[in-house]
Amino acid sequence: MPAGDRLDHILTTAGREHASRPAVVDGGRTTTYAQLAEAVDGTARRLAALGIRAGTRVGLMMSHGADATIALFALLRLGAVAAPLQPGDPPARLTRMVTGGRLSHVLTRSGARLALAADAPPATRIGDQLDCHALGEPGPAGEGGIVLFTSGSTGVPKGVLLNDGNVLHFVRWVAAEFRLGPHDRVGAQSPLTFDLSTFDIFATALAGACAVQLPEHLRGFPRDVVAWLAEQRITVFYAVPTLYHLLLNRGGLAERPPADLRIAAFAGEPFAPDLLAHYLRLLPGAAFYNLYGPTETNVCTWERIPPQWTTDEPITIGRPLPGMAAVLLDEAGGPADEGELFVSGPSVLRGYLEDGTLRDPARPVLFPDGTRQRAYPTGDRARRLPDGRLLLLGRRDGQVKRRGIRIELADVEAALRAVPGVDEGVVVQKTGPHAGQLWAYVRGAEAQVVLTGLAGVLPRRMLPDRVVPLDRFPTTPHGKTDRRALAAATFPGGEP
């Protein structure tokens, strides 16, 4: 792969062209691009001495920040596969990711415990900030990149492998579209395990801008986040709508609008129309972007929200990025104006890592122009409007999004059925007054027993908002569990 087509080359260029400019602000620590590049070079040499090379699959169990950025770029420098893991996830689930992806090493902060289901081997210190835990022999050399684990319908997380080219296609476009430059201060708040972080890390470095890390201790306090946006003079912010909602409803953003913000981008879930209209009035100088795409494609469509937009108009996902293509297929598999959204182009994933092997979920699809292209089935239903923009209509399977995180309901239900005492269990995403929340309905066990059992196997982001014991479940005329009735709580007895 030519150097210009490698993610690590972004940092090499930035270290040369923006050497003295701040690359990462992490609490009270500021790291320049020259310092970042030097630290990456040294870390890469130390990792290579431990046998990490092209294609080696390495877990990265660290919160975002300067040290995590150094470790990530060092792995990419070696052509390894970097697999971010969320610290604090249940050991059983982390172990499934490590074994399913066949990760041979895991990097942690120095002194951090590697919380896996089995005893971890002794760690080797890498510089001052990193430990490397060797779990097994590295596999054969292969293609490098980034693995992002998503919820799987079988209860086993799926590893989405994105190569350098997949990520670079989005990064180059977004840096140009947002006109990112060395004087921008990007509010970096996404975990490394979330695909929004590819913007925070790589688009920022491509432009020589500064990634200002949101301190972990502020995350649960919307008013403090609003103050942080102002104090840090954040100019570009990319987050899920849930966070924007919190900043407006509970953070007092209307009382203290961030004066320096010029780009407000969102992705991952729908934006409440009334709140988006409020934002447009509050921040007339900021450009709002709706960026759409599952992890498997990163961002593949986009729309800049017109300043004069009103709630009388739909919020669409716009049109494909340059170089990308989208087609809607009906139930018969033919092109249509309404159907499942298939996406093709250079940002489509290499494949899923399942039990250590790579499986390609994309398939050849006939596009309206007569070409047959490798396309990924998003599982999202959409309608093409007369002007060519795409309007999402919902999912065609049991997958939902909560706070921008993709969750397979079957994944949560698999854990639910394993809780001792649960005879029957169903998980739904609520409609009505509790819209968006995940509720688990169970028979045979008390709510607190269920929550305690789930907390030991599921990460916090996947835990139900409420567990409701039932004596019997509503059924459809065909005798199946009536999930729609549970979601809307229209069954006899009303809302539990």
Protein backbone atom coordinates (compact mmCIF):
# COMPACT_ATOMS: atom_id res chain seq x y z
CA MET A 1 0.00 0.00 0.00
CA PRO A 2 1.47 3.40 -0.95
CA ALA A 3 2.47 5.55 2.03
CA GLY A 4 -0.14 8.15 1.12
CA ASP A 5 -2.85 5.51 1.53
CA ARG A 6 -1.87 4.58 5.09
CA LEU A 7 -3.54 6.00 8.18
CA ASP A 8 -0.23 6.35 10.02
CA HIS A 9 1.10 8.54 7.20
CA ILE A 10 -1.38 11.21 8.37
CA LEU A 11 0.65 11.61 11.55
CA THR A 12 3.98 11.52 9.74
CA THR A 13 2.86 14.46 7.61
CA ALA A 14 1.36 16.36 10.55
CA GLY A 15 4.52 15.87 12.60
CA ARG A 16 6.49 17.51 9.81
CA GLU A 17 4.09 20.27 8.73
CA HIS A 18 2.55 21.16 12.12
CA ALA A 19 5.37 20.15 14.46
CA SER A 20 4.87 22.81 17.13
CA ARG A 21 1.08 22.91 17.05
CA PRO A 22 -0.98 21.10 19.72
CA ALA A 23 -2.19 17.71 18.55
CA VAL A 24 -3.97 16.48 21.69
CA VAL A 25 -5.11 18.27 24.82
CA ASP A 26 -5.82 15.66 27.49
CA GLY A 27 -6.69 17.30 30.81
CA GLY A 28 -3.71 19.41 31.82
CA ARG A 29 -1.42 17.71 29.30
CA THR A 30 -0.79 19.14 25.82
CA THR A 31 1.07 17.06 23.22
CA THR A 32 2.38 18.71 20.05
CA TYR A 33 2.43 16.93 16.70
CA ALA A 34 6.22 16.59 16.87
CA GLN A 35 5.98 15.02 20.33
CA LEU A 36 3.16 12.74 19.21
CA ALA A 37 5.09 11.54 16.15
CA GLU A 38 8.21 10.89 18.25
CA ALA A 39 6.25 8.94 20.86
CA VAL A 40 4.58 6.85 18.16
CA ASP A 41 7.96 5.98 16.59
CA GLY A 42 9.37 4.85 19.95
CA THR A 43 6.28 2.84 20.88
CA ALA A 44 6.22 1.14 17.49
CA ARG A 45 9.85 0.05 17.91
CA ARG A 46 9.15 -1.42 21.34
CA LEU A 47 6.07 -3.25 20.13
CA ALA A 48 7.98 -4.66 17.15
CA ALA A 49 10.60 -6.02 19.56
CA LEU A 50 7.78 -8.00 21.23
CA GLY A 51 6.85 -9.65 17.93
CA ILE A 52 3.99 -7.41 16.85
CA ARG A 53 4.11 -7.01 13.10
CA ALA A 54 1.92 -6.61 10.02
CA GLY A 55 -1.42 -8.35 10.56
CA THR A 56 -0.94 -9.02 14.29
CA ARG A 57 -4.28 -8.54 16.05
CA VAL A 58 -3.89 -6.39 19.14
CA GLY A 59 -6.55 -5.29 21.62
CA LEU A 60 -6.39 -1.70 22.84
CA MET A 61 -8.12 -1.54 26.23
CA MET A 62 -7.82 2.14 27.04
CA SER A 63 -10.00 5.20 27.40
CA HIS A 64 -9.47 7.87 24.78
CA GLY A 65 -6.67 10.37 25.26
CA ALA A 66 -3.07 11.05 24.27
CA ASP A 67 -1.73 7.65 25.37
CA ALA A 68 -4.44 5.78 23.48
CA THR A 69 -3.79 7.89 20.38
CA ILE A 70 -0.07 7.06 20.57
CA ALA A 71 -0.77 3.34 20.96
CA LEU A 72 -3.26 3.32 18.08
CA PHE A 73 -0.92 5.10 15.66
CA ALA A 74 1.97 2.84 16.73
CA LEU A 75 -0.02 -0.27 15.85
CA LEU A 76 -1.02 1.21 12.50
CA ARG A 77 2.64 2.12 11.86
CA LEU A 78 3.48 -1.59 12.15
CA GLY A 79 0.59 -2.60 9.89
CA ALA A 80 -1.07 -4.42 12.80
CA VAL A 81 -4.79 -4.77 13.45
CA ALA A 82 -5.90 -2.50 16.31
CA ALA A 83 -9.03 -3.66 18.16
CA PRO A 84 -10.30 -1.10 20.71
CA LEU A 85 -11.91 -2.64 23.80
CA GLN A 86 -13.93 -0.73 26.37
CA PRO A 87 -12.39 -0.72 29.86
CA GLY A 88 -15.02 -1.65 32.39
CA ASP A 89 -16.95 -4.05 30.16
CA PRO A 90 -17.76 -7.39 31.85
CA PRO A 91 -14.80 -9.81 31.73
CA ALA A 92 -16.89 -12.54 30.09
CA ARG A 93 -17.82 -10.26 27.20
CA LEU A 94 -14.28 -8.93 26.80
CA THR A 95 -13.05 -12.52 26.68
CA ARG A 96 -15.51 -13.30 23.88
CA MET A 97 -14.11 -10.38 21.88
CA VAL A 98 -10.51 -11.43 22.50
CA THR A 99 -11.13 -15.05 21.54
CA GLY A 100 -13.55 -14.29 18.69
CA GLY A 101 -11.07 -11.87 17.12
CA ARG A 102 -8.12 -14.12 18.05
CA LEU A 103 -6.23 -11.21 19.53
CA SER A 104 -2.69 -12.24 20.44
CA HIS A 105 -1.88 -9.16 22.55
CA VAL A 106 -3.74 -6.52 24.55
CA LEU A 107 -2.39 -3.08 25.41
CA THR A 108 -3.49 -1.33 28.63
CA ARG A 109 -2.38 1.69 30.63
CA SER A 110 0.59 0.92 32.86
CA GLY A 111 -0.54 -0.91 35.96
CA ALA A 112 -4.12 -1.42 34.74
CA ARG A 113 -5.62 -4.84 35.38
CA LEU A 114 -6.50 -6.85 32.30
CA ALA A 115 -10.02 -7.89 33.30
CA LEU A 116 -10.60 -11.10 31.37
CA ALA A 117 -12.49 -14.20 32.45
CA ALA A 118 -9.21 -16.11 32.86
CA ASP A 119 -6.00 -15.03 34.56
CA ALA A 120 -3.99 -12.74 32.32
CA PRO A 121 -0.28 -13.34 31.75
CA PRO A 122 2.29 -10.92 33.21
CA ALA A 123 2.55 -7.60 31.40
CA THR A 124 5.60 -6.11 29.68
CA ARG A 125 6.09 -2.39 30.25
CA ILE A 126 6.18 -0.32 27.04
CA GLY A 127 7.69 3.06 27.80
CA ASP A 128 6.18 4.98 30.69
CA GLN A 129 2.47 4.67 29.95
CA LEU A 130 1.68 1.28 28.35
CA ASP A 131 1.64 -2.39 29.30
CA CYS A 132 1.53 -5.18 26.73
CA HIS A 133 -0.15 -8.47 27.67
CA ALA A 134 0.83 -11.37 25.38
CA LEU A 135 -2.05 -13.84 25.13
CA GLY A 136 -0.83 -16.13 22.37
CA GLU A 137 1.37 -16.49 19.34
CA PRO A 138 0.79 -13.84 16.62
CA GLY A 139 -0.98 -15.18 13.55
CA PRO A 140 0.41 -15.01 10.03
CA ALA A 141 1.08 -11.61 8.50
CA GLY A 142 -1.96 -10.05 6.87
CA GLU A 143 -3.80 -6.81 6.22
CA GLY A 144 -3.81 -4.25 9.00
CA GLY A 145 -6.55 -1.88 10.06
CA ILE A 146 -9.03 -1.27 12.85
CA VAL A 147 -11.56 -3.71 14.34
CA LEU A 148 -14.69 -2.25 15.95
CA PHE A 149 -16.81 -4.78 17.83
CA THR A 150 -20.59 -4.51 17.46
CA SER A 151 -23.48 -6.30 19.10
CA GLY A 152 -24.21 -9.68 17.48
CA SER A 153 -27.57 -11.43 17.15
CA THR A 154 -26.12 -14.67 18.55
CA GLY A 155 -24.88 -13.03 21.74
CA VAL A 156 -21.29 -13.00 20.46
CA PRO A 157 -19.89 -9.56 19.44
CA LYS A 158 -18.92 -9.21 15.78
CA GLY A 159 -15.62 -7.58 14.85
CA VAL A 160 -15.94 -5.15 11.94
CA LEU A 161 -12.59 -4.95 10.14
CA LEU A 162 -11.96 -1.60 8.44
CA ASN A 163 -8.71 -1.23 6.53
CA ASP A 164 -6.80 2.02 6.05
CA GLY A 165 -8.57 2.79 2.79
CA ASN A 166 -12.02 2.32 4.35
CA VAL A 167 -11.30 4.94 7.01
CA LEU A 168 -9.31 7.31 4.79
CA HIS A 169 -12.16 7.74 2.33
CA PHE A 170 -14.38 9.29 5.00
CA VAL A 171 -11.58 11.17 6.74
CA ARG A 172 -10.39 12.95 3.61
CA TRP A 173 -13.90 13.95 2.59
CA VAL A 174 -14.96 15.23 6.01
CA ALA A 175 -11.78 17.25 6.56
CA ALA A 176 -12.40 19.01 3.24
CA GLU A 177 -16.16 19.44 3.73
CA PHE A 178 -15.75 20.88 7.24
CA ARG A 179 -12.76 22.96 6.10
CA LEU A 180 -10.78 21.71 9.07
CA GLY A 181 -7.56 23.59 9.66
CA PRO A 182 -4.71 23.96 12.17
CA HIS A 183 -6.63 26.52 14.21
CA ASP A 184 -9.65 24.26 14.83
CA ARG A 185 -10.22 22.76 18.26
CA VAL A 186 -12.18 19.53 17.91
CA GLY A 187 -14.20 18.37 20.92
CA ALA A 188 -13.16 14.70 21.08
CA GLN A 189 -15.64 12.75 23.19
CA SER A 190 -16.30 9.42 21.45
CA PRO A 191 -14.88 6.18 22.91
CA LEU A 192 -12.31 4.43 20.73
CA THR A 193 -14.80 1.57 20.36
CA PHE A 194 -17.29 3.87 18.57
CA ASP A 195 -16.79 4.69 14.88
CA LEU A 196 -17.31 8.43 15.53
CA SER A 197 -13.80 8.37 17.02
CA THR A 198 -12.28 7.97 13.55
CA PHE A 199 -13.19 11.61 12.97
CA ASP A 200 -11.79 12.79 16.31
CA ILE A 201 -8.46 11.06 15.69
CA PHE A 202 -7.73 10.92 11.97
CA ALA A 203 -9.61 13.86 10.42
CA THR A 204 -8.20 16.10 13.14
CA ALA A 205 -4.63 14.95 12.46
CA LEU A 206 -5.10 15.21 8.70
CA ALA A 207 -5.90 18.91 9.13
CA GLY A 208 -3.28 19.58 11.79
CA ALA A 209 -6.10 20.56 14.17
CA CYS A 210 -6.18 19.97 17.93
CA ALA A 211 -8.19 17.13 19.51
CA VAL A 212 -9.40 18.36 22.90
CA GLN A 213 -10.39 15.32 24.95
CA LEU A 214 -13.55 15.55 27.04
CA PRO A 215 -12.50 14.55 30.59
CA GLU A 216 -14.12 11.30 31.72
CA HIS A 217 -15.37 12.81 34.98
CA LEU A 218 -17.49 15.38 33.09
CA ARG A 219 -19.41 12.89 30.97
CA GLY A 220 -22.33 12.46 33.35
CA PHE A 221 -22.77 16.17 33.98
CA PRO A 222 -24.32 18.05 31.02
CA ARG A 223 -23.80 21.51 32.59
CA ASP A 224 -20.11 20.80 32.99
CA VAL A 225 -19.87 19.67 29.36
CA VAL A 226 -21.51 22.92 28.22
CA ALA A 227 -18.99 24.87 30.30
CA TRP A 228 -16.15 22.77 28.84
CA LEU A 229 -17.26 23.58 25.27
CA ALA A 230 -17.01 27.29 26.06
CA GLU A 231 -13.85 27.21 28.16
CA GLN A 232 -11.96 25.09 25.63
CA ARG A 233 -13.20 27.23 22.69
CA ILE A 234 -14.38 24.15 20.81
CA THR A 235 -14.96 24.93 17.13
CA VAL A 236 -16.00 21.48 15.84
CA PHE A 237 -18.14 18.92 17.66
CA TYR A 238 -19.33 15.49 16.45
CA ALA A 239 -21.62 13.52 18.75
CA VAL A 240 -24.80 11.47 18.96
CA PRO A 241 -28.13 13.36 19.20
CA THR A 242 -28.65 12.02 22.73
CA LEU A 243 -25.74 14.16 23.93
CA TYR A 244 -27.01 17.22 22.07
CA HIS A 245 -30.44 16.65 23.67
CA LEU A 246 -28.90 16.48 27.15
CA LEU A 247 -26.84 19.62 26.64
CA LEU A 248 -29.95 21.57 25.69
CA ASN A 249 -32.50 20.05 28.09
CA ARG A 250 -30.31 19.59 31.17
CA GLY A 251 -27.04 21.35 30.44
CA GLY A 252 -28.26 24.91 30.11
CA LEU A 253 -26.78 25.33 26.63
CA ALA A 254 -29.47 27.87 25.75
CA GLU A 255 -28.16 30.05 28.58
CA ARG A 256 -24.53 29.69 27.48
CA PRO A 257 -24.27 28.87 23.77
CA PRO A 258 -20.70 27.92 22.76
CA ALA A 259 -19.60 31.06 20.94
CA ASP A 260 -16.73 29.44 19.00
CA LEU A 261 -18.66 26.46 17.62
CA ARG A 262 -18.80 26.57 13.82
CA ILE A 263 -19.51 22.89 13.01
CA ALA A 264 -22.05 20.74 14.87
CA ALA A 265 -22.24 17.25 13.37
CA PHE A 266 -24.37 14.36 14.58
CA ALA A 267 -24.84 10.69 13.73
CA GLY A 268 -25.97 7.37 15.13
CA GLU A 269 -29.68 8.00 15.80
CA PRO A 270 -32.51 10.41 14.94
CA PHE A 271 -32.37 14.00 16.17
CA ALA A 272 -35.58 15.22 17.85
CA PRO A 273 -36.97 17.72 15.31
CA ASP A 274 -38.07 20.34 17.84
CA LEU A 275 -34.66 20.31 19.50
CA LEU A 276 -32.82 20.56 16.18
CA ALA A 277 -34.95 23.59 15.28
CA HIS A 278 -34.06 25.10 18.67
CA TYR A 279 -30.34 24.55 18.01
CA LEU A 280 -30.56 26.25 14.63
CA ARG A 281 -32.04 29.32 16.30
CA LEU A 282 -29.52 29.28 19.16
CA LEU A 283 -26.42 28.84 16.97
CA PRO A 284 -27.08 30.67 13.70
CA GLY A 285 -23.36 30.79 12.95
CA ALA A 286 -22.85 27.01 13.17
CA ALA A 287 -23.31 24.55 10.32
CA PHE A 288 -25.25 21.42 11.31
CA TYR A 289 -24.53 18.12 9.55
CA ASN A 290 -26.40 14.83 9.67
CA LEU A 291 -23.86 12.06 8.95
CA TYR A 292 -25.21 8.54 8.40
CA GLY A 293 -23.62 5.15 8.18
CA PRO A 294 -23.40 1.87 10.10
CA THR A 295 -20.03 0.83 11.49
CA GLU A 296 -19.59 -1.41 8.44
CA THR A 297 -19.46 1.61 6.11
CA ASN A 298 -18.40 4.40 8.48
CA VAL A 299 -20.13 7.54 7.17
CA CYS A 300 -21.62 6.88 3.74
CA THR A 301 -24.28 9.60 3.31
CA TRP A 302 -24.55 13.18 4.52
CA GLU A 303 -26.73 16.24 4.61
CA ARG A 304 -26.03 19.77 5.74
CA ILE A 305 -29.16 21.00 7.50
CA PRO A 306 -30.35 24.27 5.88
CA PRO A 307 -30.33 27.19 8.36
CA GLN A 308 -33.98 27.87 7.50
CA TRP A 309 -35.05 24.26 8.16
CA THR A 310 -38.30 23.82 10.11
CA THR A 311 -40.06 20.90 11.74
CA ASP A 312 -42.50 20.80 8.82
CA GLU A 313 -39.73 19.19 6.78
CA PRO A 314 -38.18 15.73 7.26
CA ILE A 315 -34.65 15.21 8.54
CA THR A 316 -33.11 13.10 5.80
CA ILE A 317 -29.75 11.36 5.61
CA GLY A 318 -29.07 13.18 2.37
CA ARG A 319 -26.99 11.70 -0.42
CA PRO A 320 -23.97 9.40 -0.69
CA LEU A 321 -20.48 10.79 -0.18
CA PRO A 322 -18.46 11.28 -3.38
CA GLY A 323 -17.26 7.88 -4.55
CA MET A 324 -20.00 6.05 -2.63
CA ALA A 325 -23.26 4.72 -4.06
CA ALA A 326 -26.59 3.73 -2.53
CA VAL A 327 -29.49 1.68 -3.87
CA LEU A 328 -32.84 0.67 -2.38
CA LEU A 329 -33.96 -2.90 -2.99
CA ASP A 330 -37.49 -4.24 -2.59
CA GLU A 331 -38.38 -7.65 -1.17
CA ALA A 332 -37.73 -9.26 -4.55
CA GLY A 333 -34.23 -7.79 -4.67
CA GLY A 334 -34.93 -5.24 -7.38
CA PRO A 335 -34.18 -1.50 -7.35
CA ALA A 336 -37.04 0.55 -5.92
CA ASP A 337 -37.86 3.98 -4.51
CA GLU A 338 -38.48 2.37 -1.12
CA GLY A 339 -36.74 -0.64 0.40
CA GLU A 340 -33.62 -1.82 2.19
CA LEU A 341 -30.60 0.46 1.80
CA PHE A 342 -27.50 -1.13 0.25
CA VAL A 343 -24.22 0.81 0.14
CA SER A 344 -21.16 0.33 -2.05
CA GLY A 345 -17.87 2.12 -2.35
CA PRO A 346 -14.40 2.42 -0.84
CA SER A 347 -15.55 2.80 2.79
CA VAL A 348 -17.38 -0.58 2.91
CA LEU A 349 -15.74 -2.91 5.44
CA ARG A 350 -13.28 -5.66 4.60
CA GLY A 351 -15.37 -8.17 6.56
CA TYR A 352 -16.42 -9.53 9.94
CA LEU A 353 -13.91 -11.23 12.20
CA GLU A 354 -15.78 -14.25 13.53
CA ASP A 355 -13.91 -16.97 15.39
CA GLY A 356 -10.69 -15.60 13.98
CA THR A 357 -11.72 -15.83 10.35
CA LEU A 358 -12.83 -13.09 7.98
CA ARG A 359 -16.36 -13.28 6.55
CA ASP A 360 -17.57 -10.79 3.96
CA PRO A 361 -21.23 -9.77 4.54
CA ALA A 362 -21.32 -7.65 1.37
CA ARG A 363 -22.67 -9.13 -1.83
CA PRO A 364 -22.88 -8.26 -5.54
CA VAL A 365 -25.86 -5.99 -6.23
CA LEU A 366 -27.19 -4.72 -9.55
CA PHE A 367 -27.40 -0.90 -9.47
CA PRO A 368 -29.78 1.16 -11.62
CA ASP A 369 -26.90 2.23 -13.89
CA GLY A 370 -26.45 -1.41 -14.92
CA THR A 371 -23.26 -2.03 -12.95
CA ARG A 372 -22.93 -4.85 -10.44
CA GLN A 373 -21.14 -3.66 -7.31
CA ARG A 374 -20.07 -5.14 -3.98
CA ALA A 375 -22.60 -3.65 -1.55
CA TYR A 376 -23.33 -3.91 2.16
CA PRO A 377 -26.95 -4.49 3.28
CA THR A 378 -27.48 -1.93 6.06
CA GLY A 379 -30.73 -3.44 7.39
CA ASP A 380 -32.21 0.07 7.30
CA ARG A 381 -35.31 0.79 5.25
CA ALA A 382 -35.40 4.07 3.37
CA ARG A 383 -37.35 6.04 0.78
CA ARG A 384 -35.82 8.07 -2.02
CA LEU A 385 -37.45 11.51 -2.20
CA PRO A 386 -38.10 13.23 -5.54
CA ASP A 387 -34.97 15.37 -5.14
CA GLY A 388 -32.82 12.24 -4.63
CA ARG A 389 -32.30 12.53 -0.87
CA LEU A 390 -32.82 9.47 1.34
CA LEU A 391 -35.31 9.33 4.21
CA LEU A 392 -34.86 6.57 6.80
CA LEU A 393 -37.99 4.57 7.68
CA GLY A 394 -36.66 2.22 10.37
CA ARG A 395 -35.06 -1.18 10.70
CA ARG A 396 -36.07 -4.41 9.00
CA ASP A 397 -34.68 -6.65 11.76
CA GLY A 398 -34.30 -6.82 15.54
CA GLN A 399 -31.54 -4.25 15.72
CA VAL A 400 -31.97 -0.93 17.51
CA LYS A 401 -29.85 2.08 18.38
CA ARG A 402 -29.71 3.67 21.80
CA ARG A 403 -27.55 6.72 22.44
CA GLY A 404 -25.97 6.05 19.06
CA ILE A 405 -24.84 2.52 20.00
CA ARG A 406 -26.07 -0.32 17.81
CA ILE A 407 -27.65 -3.12 19.83
CA GLU A 408 -29.02 -6.46 18.70
CA LEU A 409 -32.04 -7.21 20.88
CA ALA A 410 -31.27 -10.90 20.41
CA ASP A 411 -27.87 -10.27 22.01
CA VAL A 412 -29.52 -8.88 25.16
CA GLU A 413 -32.14 -11.65 25.14
CA ALA A 414 -29.44 -14.32 24.97
CA ALA A 415 -27.98 -12.92 28.19
CA LEU A 416 -31.45 -12.62 29.68
CA ARG A 417 -32.26 -16.28 29.11
CA ALA A 418 -29.04 -17.28 30.89
CA VAL A 419 -30.06 -15.55 34.14
CA PRO A 420 -31.05 -18.24 36.70
CA GLY A 421 -34.80 -18.31 37.28
CA VAL A 422 -35.85 -16.62 34.03
CA ASP A 423 -38.43 -18.83 32.31
CA GLU A 424 -39.20 -16.41 29.52
CA GLY A 425 -37.70 -13.07 28.52
CA VAL A 426 -38.24 -10.49 25.78
CA VAL A 427 -36.44 -7.18 25.21
CA VAL A 428 -38.07 -4.35 23.28
CA GLN A 429 -37.34 -0.72 22.50
CA LYS A 430 -40.21 1.30 23.87
CA THR A 431 -42.51 3.63 21.98
CA GLY A 432 -44.76 6.27 23.52
CA PRO A 433 -43.69 8.19 26.64
CA HIS A 434 -40.60 6.00 27.15
CA ALA A 435 -39.56 6.03 23.48
CA GLY A 436 -36.02 4.80 22.87
CA GLN A 437 -35.61 3.01 26.20
CA LEU A 438 -34.88 -0.72 26.38
CA TRP A 439 -37.24 -2.68 28.62
CA ALA A 440 -36.88 -6.34 29.49
CA TYR A 441 -40.08 -8.27 30.23
CA VAL A 442 -39.51 -11.51 32.16
CA ARG A 443 -41.40 -14.38 33.68
CA GLY A 444 -40.10 -16.35 36.65
CA ALA A 445 -37.62 -13.95 38.25
CA GLU A 446 -37.60 -10.67 40.16
CA ALA A 447 -36.42 -7.49 38.52
CA GLN A 448 -33.39 -6.91 40.77
CA VAL A 449 -32.20 -10.51 40.33
CA VAL A 450 -32.36 -10.06 36.56
CA LEU A 451 -30.53 -6.73 36.58
CA THR A 452 -27.78 -8.14 38.79
CA GLY A 453 -27.38 -11.14 36.50
CA LEU A 454 -27.23 -9.02 33.34
CA ALA A 455 -24.72 -6.59 34.85
CA GLY A 456 -22.22 -9.44 35.09
CA VAL A 457 -22.32 -10.25 31.37
CA LEU A 458 -23.42 -7.13 29.48
CA PRO A 459 -21.71 -3.72 29.23
CA ARG A 460 -23.60 -0.85 30.81
CA ARG A 461 -24.56 0.58 27.41
CA MET A 462 -26.60 -2.59 26.69
CA LEU A 463 -28.37 -2.99 30.04
CA PRO A 464 -32.17 -2.56 29.98
CA ASP A 465 -33.50 0.68 31.40
CA ARG A 466 -36.15 -1.31 33.25
CA VAL A 467 -37.00 -4.94 33.98
CA VAL A 468 -40.72 -5.73 34.23
CA PRO A 469 -41.89 -9.11 35.63
CA LEU A 470 -45.06 -10.50 34.01
CA ASP A 471 -47.24 -13.49 34.77
CA ARG A 472 -48.04 -13.94 31.09
CA PHE A 473 -46.95 -12.40 27.80
CA PRO A 474 -49.35 -10.92 25.23
CA THR A 475 -49.55 -12.97 22.04
CA THR A 476 -50.51 -12.36 18.43
CA PRO A 477 -53.41 -14.26 16.78
CA HIS A 478 -50.77 -16.75 15.61
CA GLY A 479 -49.61 -17.43 19.16
CA LYS A 480 -46.33 -15.54 18.94
CA THR A 481 -45.17 -13.09 21.60
CA ASP A 482 -46.64 -9.71 20.65
CA ARG A 483 -43.52 -7.54 20.70
CA ARG A 484 -45.36 -4.51 19.37
CA ALA A 485 -47.83 -4.70 22.25
CA LEU A 486 -44.95 -4.90 24.72
CA ALA A 487 -43.21 -1.95 23.10
CA ALA A 488 -46.36 0.16 23.24
CA ALA A 489 -47.74 -1.42 26.47
CA THR A 490 -51.21 -1.68 24.90
CA PHE A 491 -51.84 -5.18 26.31
CA PRO A 492 -54.38 -5.70 29.12
CA GLY A 493 -53.22 -4.11 32.35
CA GLY A 494 -51.77 -1.03 30.64
CA GLU A 495 -48.30 0.32 31.33
CA PRO A 496 -46.54 -1.69 34.06
